[in-house]
Amino acid sequence: MRITRDMIDRLGGLIDVCNSPGAG
């Protein structure tokens, strides 16, 4: 996830991580 955030910064985007209402 650290690599993921660094790469998203490189792409100029945003990331949102959450739990689904049911499961997962």
PDB file of all heavy atoms in Angstrom:
ATOM      1  N   MET A   1       0.818  -1.206   0.000  1.00  0.00           N
ATOM      2  CA  MET A   1       0.000   0.000   0.000  1.00  0.00           C
ATOM      3  C   MET A   1       0.857   1.262   0.000  1.00  0.00           C
ATOM      4  O   MET A   1       0.444   2.299  -0.532  1.00  0.00           O
ATOM      5  CB  MET A   1      -0.948  -0.012   1.198  1.00  0.00           C
ATOM      6  CG  MET A   1      -2.033  -1.084   1.101  1.00  0.00           C
ATOM      7  SD  MET A   1      -2.979  -1.004  -0.457  1.00  0.00           S
ATOM      8  CE  MET A   1      -3.799   0.577  -0.276  1.00  0.00           C
ATOM      9  N   ARG A   2       2.058   1.219   0.597  1.00  0.00           N
ATOM     10  CA  ARG A   2       2.950   2.379   0.538  1.00  0.00           C
ATOM     11  C   ARG A   2       3.388   2.614  -0.921  1.00  0.00           C
ATOM     12  O   ARG A   2       3.390   3.747  -1.411  1.00  0.00           O
ATOM     13  CB  ARG A   2       4.161   2.152   1.422  1.00  0.00           C
ATOM     14  CG  ARG A   2       5.288   3.171   1.248  1.00  0.00           C
ATOM     15  CD  ARG A   2       4.841   4.618   1.505  1.00  0.00           C
ATOM     16  NE  ARG A   2       5.905   5.547   1.169  1.00  0.00           N
ATOM     17  CZ  ARG A   2       6.861   5.928   2.017  1.00  0.00           C
ATOM     18  NH1 ARG A   2       6.893   5.451   3.246  1.00  0.00           N
ATOM     19  NH2 ARG A   2       7.787   6.793   1.640  1.00  0.00           N
ATOM     20  N   ILE A   3       3.753   1.523  -1.608  1.00  0.00           N
ATOM     21  CA  ILE A   3       4.127   1.646  -3.024  1.00  0.00           C
ATOM     22  C   ILE A   3       2.942   2.172  -3.829  1.00  0.00           C
ATOM     23  O   ILE A   3       3.095   3.045  -4.690  1.00  0.00           O
ATOM     24  CB  ILE A   3       4.589   0.280  -3.568  1.00  0.00           C
ATOM     25  CG1 ILE A   3       5.889  -0.157  -2.887  1.00  0.00           C
ATOM     26  CG2 ILE A   3       4.772   0.337  -5.081  1.00  0.00           C
ATOM     27  CD1 ILE A   3       6.306  -1.572  -3.212  1.00  0.00           C
ATOM     28  N   THR A   4       1.751   1.658  -3.521  1.00  0.00           N
ATOM     29  CA  THR A   4       0.546   2.083  -4.228  1.00  0.00           C
ATOM     30  C   THR A   4       0.323   3.581  -4.091  1.00  0.00           C
ATOM     31  O   THR A   4       0.055   4.284  -5.071  1.00  0.00           O
ATOM     32  CB  THR A   4      -0.674   1.316  -3.685  1.00  0.00           C
ATOM     33  OG1 THR A   4      -0.516  -0.076  -3.965  1.00  0.00           O
ATOM     34  CG2 THR A   4      -1.964   1.804  -4.328  1.00  0.00           C
ATOM     35  N   ARG A   5       0.437   4.103  -2.858  1.00  0.00           N
ATOM     36  CA  ARG A   5       0.216   5.529  -2.661  1.00  0.00           C
ATOM     37  C   ARG A   5       1.265   6.369  -3.399  1.00  0.00           C
ATOM     38  O   ARG A   5       0.949   7.391  -4.015  1.00  0.00           O
ATOM     39  CB  ARG A   5       0.241   5.882  -1.170  1.00  0.00           C
ATOM     40  CG  ARG A   5      -0.247   7.308  -0.911  1.00  0.00           C
ATOM     41  CD  ARG A   5      -0.070   7.722   0.511  1.00  0.00           C
ATOM     42  NE  ARG A   5       1.355   7.821   0.863  1.00  0.00           N
ATOM     43  CZ  ARG A   5       1.797   8.259   2.035  1.00  0.00           C
ATOM     44  NH1 ARG A   5       0.926   8.606   2.972  1.00  0.00           N
ATOM     45  NH2 ARG A   5       3.082   8.316   2.298  1.00  0.00           N
ATOM     46  N   ASP A   6       2.535   5.921  -3.370  1.00  0.00           N
ATOM     47  CA  ASP A   6       3.588   6.649  -4.079  1.00  0.00           C
ATOM     48  C   ASP A   6       3.311   6.687  -5.579  1.00  0.00           C
ATOM     49  O   ASP A   6       3.520   7.709  -6.243  1.00  0.00           O
ATOM     50  CB  ASP A   6       4.952   6.000  -3.818  1.00  0.00           C
ATOM     51  CG  ASP A   6       5.439   6.216  -2.392  1.00  0.00           C
ATOM     52  OD1 ASP A   6       4.837   7.056  -1.687  1.00  0.00           O
ATOM     53  OD2 ASP A   6       6.410   5.543  -1.994  1.00  0.00           O
ATOM     54  N   MET A   7       2.868   5.565  -6.128  1.00  0.00           N
ATOM     55  CA  MET A   7       2.585   5.509  -7.565  1.00  0.00           C
ATOM     56  C   MET A   7       1.365   6.363  -7.932  1.00  0.00           C
ATOM     57  O   MET A   7       1.326   6.983  -8.995  1.00  0.00           O
ATOM     58  CB  MET A   7       2.345   4.059  -8.007  1.00  0.00           C
ATOM     59  CG  MET A   7       3.569   3.152  -7.907  1.00  0.00           C
ATOM     60  SD  MET A   7       4.950   3.676  -8.957  1.00  0.00           S
ATOM     61  CE  MET A   7       6.001   4.442  -7.715  1.00  0.00           C
ATOM     62  N   ILE A   8       0.365   6.409  -7.044  1.00  0.00           N
ATOM     63  CA  ILE A   8      -0.812   7.244  -7.314  1.00  0.00           C
ATOM     64  C   ILE A   8      -0.426   8.714  -7.293  1.00  0.00           C
ATOM     65  O   ILE A   8      -0.907   9.519  -8.103  1.00  0.00           O
ATOM     66  CB  ILE A   8      -1.925   6.931  -6.300  1.00  0.00           C
ATOM     67  CG1 ILE A   8      -2.484   5.530  -6.570  1.00  0.00           C
ATOM     68  CG2 ILE A   8      -3.045   7.963  -6.386  1.00  0.00           C
ATOM     69  CD1 ILE A   8      -3.420   5.031  -5.519  1.00  0.00           C
ATOM     70  N   ASP A   9       0.472   9.092  -6.379  1.00  0.00           N
ATOM     71  CA  ASP A   9       0.987  10.463  -6.379  1.00  0.00           C
ATOM     72  C   ASP A   9       1.674  10.765  -7.707  1.00  0.00           C
ATOM     73  O   ASP A   9       1.543  11.858  -8.257  1.00  0.00           O
ATOM     74  CB  ASP A   9       1.980  10.651  -5.229  1.00  0.00           C
ATOM     75  CG  ASP A   9       1.293  10.703  -3.870  1.00  0.00           C
ATOM     76  OD1 ASP A   9       0.057  10.875  -3.837  1.00  0.00           O
ATOM     77  OD2 ASP A   9       1.988  10.549  -2.846  1.00  0.00           O
ATOM     78  N   ARG A  10       2.428   9.793  -8.213  1.00  0.00           N
ATOM     79  CA  ARG A  10       3.129   9.967  -9.483  1.00  0.00           C
ATOM     80  C   ARG A  10       2.146  10.142 -10.638  1.00  0.00           C
ATOM     81  O   ARG A  10       2.407  10.886 -11.583  1.00  0.00           O
ATOM     82  CB  ARG A  10       4.024   8.745  -9.713  1.00  0.00           C
ATOM     83  CG  ARG A  10       4.990   8.866 -10.869  1.00  0.00           C
ATOM     84  CD  ARG A  10       6.075   7.822 -10.705  1.00  0.00           C
ATOM     85  NE  ARG A  10       6.178   6.935 -11.846  1.00  0.00           N
ATOM     86  CZ  ARG A  10       7.041   5.930 -11.932  1.00  0.00           C
ATOM     87  NH1 ARG A  10       7.866   5.688 -10.938  1.00  0.00           N
ATOM     88  NH2 ARG A  10       7.087   5.164 -12.999  1.00  0.00           N
ATOM     89  N   LEU A  11       0.996   9.477 -10.549  1.00  0.00           N
ATOM     90  CA  LEU A  11      -0.025   9.572 -11.591  1.00  0.00           C
ATOM     91  C   LEU A  11      -0.882  10.827 -11.456  1.00  0.00           C
ATOM     92  O   LEU A  11      -1.635  11.164 -12.371  1.00  0.00           O
ATOM     93  CB  LEU A  11      -0.941   8.337 -11.533  1.00  0.00           C
ATOM     94  CG  LEU A  11      -0.334   7.012 -12.006  1.00  0.00           C
ATOM     95  CD1 LEU A  11      -1.206   5.848 -11.543  1.00  0.00           C
ATOM     96  CD2 LEU A  11      -0.172   6.993 -13.510  1.00  0.00           C
ATOM     97  N   GLY A  12      -0.799  11.495 -10.308  1.00  0.00           N
ATOM     98  CA  GLY A  12      -1.626  12.675 -10.086  1.00  0.00           C
ATOM     99  C   GLY A  12      -3.043  12.333  -9.685  1.00  0.00           C
ATOM    100  O   GLY A  12      -3.976  13.109  -9.953  1.00  0.00           O
ATOM    101  N   GLY A  13      -3.230  11.181  -9.019  1.00  0.00           N
ATOM    102  CA  GLY A  13      -4.568  10.749  -8.631  1.00  0.00           C
ATOM    103  C   GLY A  13      -4.760  10.675  -7.132  1.00  0.00           C
ATOM    104  O   GLY A  13      -3.923  11.132  -6.347  1.00  0.00           O
ATOM    105  N   LEU A  14      -5.885  10.088  -6.730  1.00  0.00           N
ATOM    106  CA  LEU A  14      -6.235   9.939  -5.315  1.00  0.00           C
ATOM    107  C   LEU A  14      -6.651   8.495  -5.050  1.00  0.00           C
ATOM    108  O   LEU A  14      -7.094   7.780  -5.955  1.00  0.00           O
ATOM    109  CB  LEU A  14      -7.389  10.873  -4.944  1.00  0.00           C
ATOM    110  CG  LEU A  14      -7.123  12.387  -5.065  1.00  0.00           C
ATOM    111  CD1 LEU A  14      -8.423  13.154  -4.855  1.00  0.00           C
ATOM    112  CD2 LEU A  14      -6.070  12.827  -4.059  1.00  0.00           C
ATOM    113  N   ILE A  15      -6.505   8.053  -3.788  1.00  0.00           N
ATOM    114  CA  ILE A  15      -6.900   6.714  -3.397  1.00  0.00           C
ATOM    115  C   ILE A  15      -7.834   6.797  -2.204  1.00  0.00           C
ATOM    116  O   ILE A  15      -7.650   7.628  -1.311  1.00  0.00           O
ATOM    117  CB  ILE A  15      -5.672   5.838  -3.053  1.00  0.00           C
ATOM    118  CG1 ILE A  15      -6.111   4.419  -2.653  1.00  0.00           C
ATOM    119  CG2 ILE A  15      -4.823   6.480  -1.963  1.00  0.00           C
ATOM    120  CD1 ILE A  15      -4.959   3.446  -2.502  1.00  0.00           C
ATOM    121  N   ASP A  16      -8.852   5.963  -2.205  1.00  0.00           N
ATOM    122  CA  ASP A  16      -9.778   5.857  -1.077  1.00  0.00           C
ATOM    123  C   ASP A  16      -9.890   4.389  -0.694  1.00  0.00           C
ATOM    124  O   ASP A  16     -10.188   3.544  -1.555  1.00  0.00           O
ATOM    125  CB  ASP A  16     -11.160   6.405  -1.445  1.00  0.00           C
ATOM    126  CG  ASP A  16     -12.161   6.232  -0.318  1.00  0.00           C
ATOM    127  OD1 ASP A  16     -12.002   6.913   0.718  1.00  0.00           O
ATOM    128  OD2 ASP A  16     -13.076   5.406  -0.462  1.00  0.00           O
ATOM    129  N   VAL A  17      -9.614   4.076   0.581  1.00  0.00           N
ATOM    130  CA  VAL A  17      -9.666   2.702   1.084  1.00  0.00           C
ATOM    131  C   VAL A  17     -10.718   2.639   2.182  1.00  0.00           C
ATOM    132  O   VAL A  17     -10.697   3.442   3.123  1.00  0.00           O
ATOM    133  CB  VAL A  17      -8.300   2.257   1.648  1.00  0.00           C
ATOM    134  CG1 VAL A  17      -8.374   0.813   2.130  1.00  0.00           C
ATOM    135  CG2 VAL A  17      -7.209   2.421   0.604  1.00  0.00           C
ATOM    136  N   CYS A  18     -11.635   1.691   2.071  1.00  0.00           N
ATOM    137  CA  CYS A  18     -12.677   1.559   3.087  1.00  0.00           C
ATOM    138  C   CYS A  18     -13.179   0.123   3.118  1.00  0.00           C
ATOM    139  O   CYS A  18     -12.784  -0.709   2.297  1.00  0.00           O
ATOM    140  CB  CYS A  18     -13.835   2.519   2.801  1.00  0.00           C
ATOM    141  SG  CYS A  18     -14.700   2.173   1.252  1.00  0.00           S
ATOM    142  N   ASN A  19     -14.028  -0.155   4.061  1.00  0.00           N
ATOM    143  CA  ASN A  19     -14.692  -1.450   4.124  1.00  0.00           C
ATOM    144  C   ASN A  19     -16.051  -1.351   3.442  1.00  0.00           C
ATOM    145  O   ASN A  19     -16.744  -0.329   3.546  1.00  0.00           O
ATOM    146  CB  ASN A  19     -14.870  -1.884   5.575  1.00  0.00           C
ATOM    147  CG  ASN A  19     -13.551  -2.241   6.226  1.00  0.00           C
ATOM    148  OD1 ASN A  19     -12.705  -2.880   5.614  1.00  0.00           O
ATOM    149  ND2 ASN A  19     -13.364  -1.813   7.467  1.00  0.00           N
ATOM    150  N   SER A  20     -16.440  -2.399   2.746  1.00  0.00           N
ATOM    151  CA  SER A  20     -17.745  -2.426   2.097  1.00  0.00           C
ATOM    152  C   SER A  20     -18.837  -2.537   3.153  1.00  0.00           C
ATOM    153  O   SER A  20     -18.603  -3.082   4.245  1.00  0.00           O
ATOM    154  CB  SER A  20     -17.822  -3.603   1.128  1.00  0.00           C
ATOM    155  OG  SER A  20     -16.843  -3.470   0.103  1.00  0.00           O
ATOM    156  N   PRO A  21     -20.051  -2.062   2.854  1.00  0.00           N
ATOM    157  CA  PRO A  21     -21.137  -2.119   3.840  1.00  0.00           C
ATOM    158  C   PRO A  21     -21.425  -3.533   4.345  1.00  0.00           C
ATOM    159  O   PRO A  21     -21.708  -3.734   5.523  1.00  0.00           O
ATOM    160  CB  PRO A  21     -22.331  -1.557   3.060  1.00  0.00           C
ATOM    161  CG  PRO A  21     -21.723  -0.689   2.012  1.00  0.00           C
ATOM    162  CD  PRO A  21     -20.429  -1.348   1.631  1.00  0.00           C
ATOM    163  N   GLY A  22     -21.347  -4.513   3.446  1.00  0.00           N
ATOM    164  CA  GLY A  22     -21.602  -5.885   3.866  1.00  0.00           C
ATOM    165  C   GLY A  22     -20.360  -6.530   4.451  1.00  0.00           C
ATOM    166  O   GLY A  22     -20.186  -6.658   5.662  1.00  0.00           O
ATOM    167  N   ALA A  23     -19.456  -6.919   3.581  1.00  0.00           N
ATOM    168  CA  ALA A  23     -18.194  -7.538   4.000  1.00  0.00           C
ATOM    169  C   ALA A  23     -17.160  -7.271   2.921  1.00  0.00           C
ATOM    170  O   ALA A  23     -17.493  -7.046   1.761  1.00  0.00           O
ATOM    171  CB  ALA A  23     -18.381  -9.046   4.215  1.00  0.00           C
ATOM    172  N   GLY A  24     -15.897  -7.314   3.329  1.00  0.00           N
ATOM    173  CA  GLY A  24     -14.830  -7.129   2.371  1.00  0.00           C
ATOM    174  C   GLY A  24     -14.335  -5.701   2.311  1.00  0.00           C
ATOM    175  O   GLY A  24     -14.858  -4.798   2.982  1.00  0.00           O
TER     176      GLY A  24
END
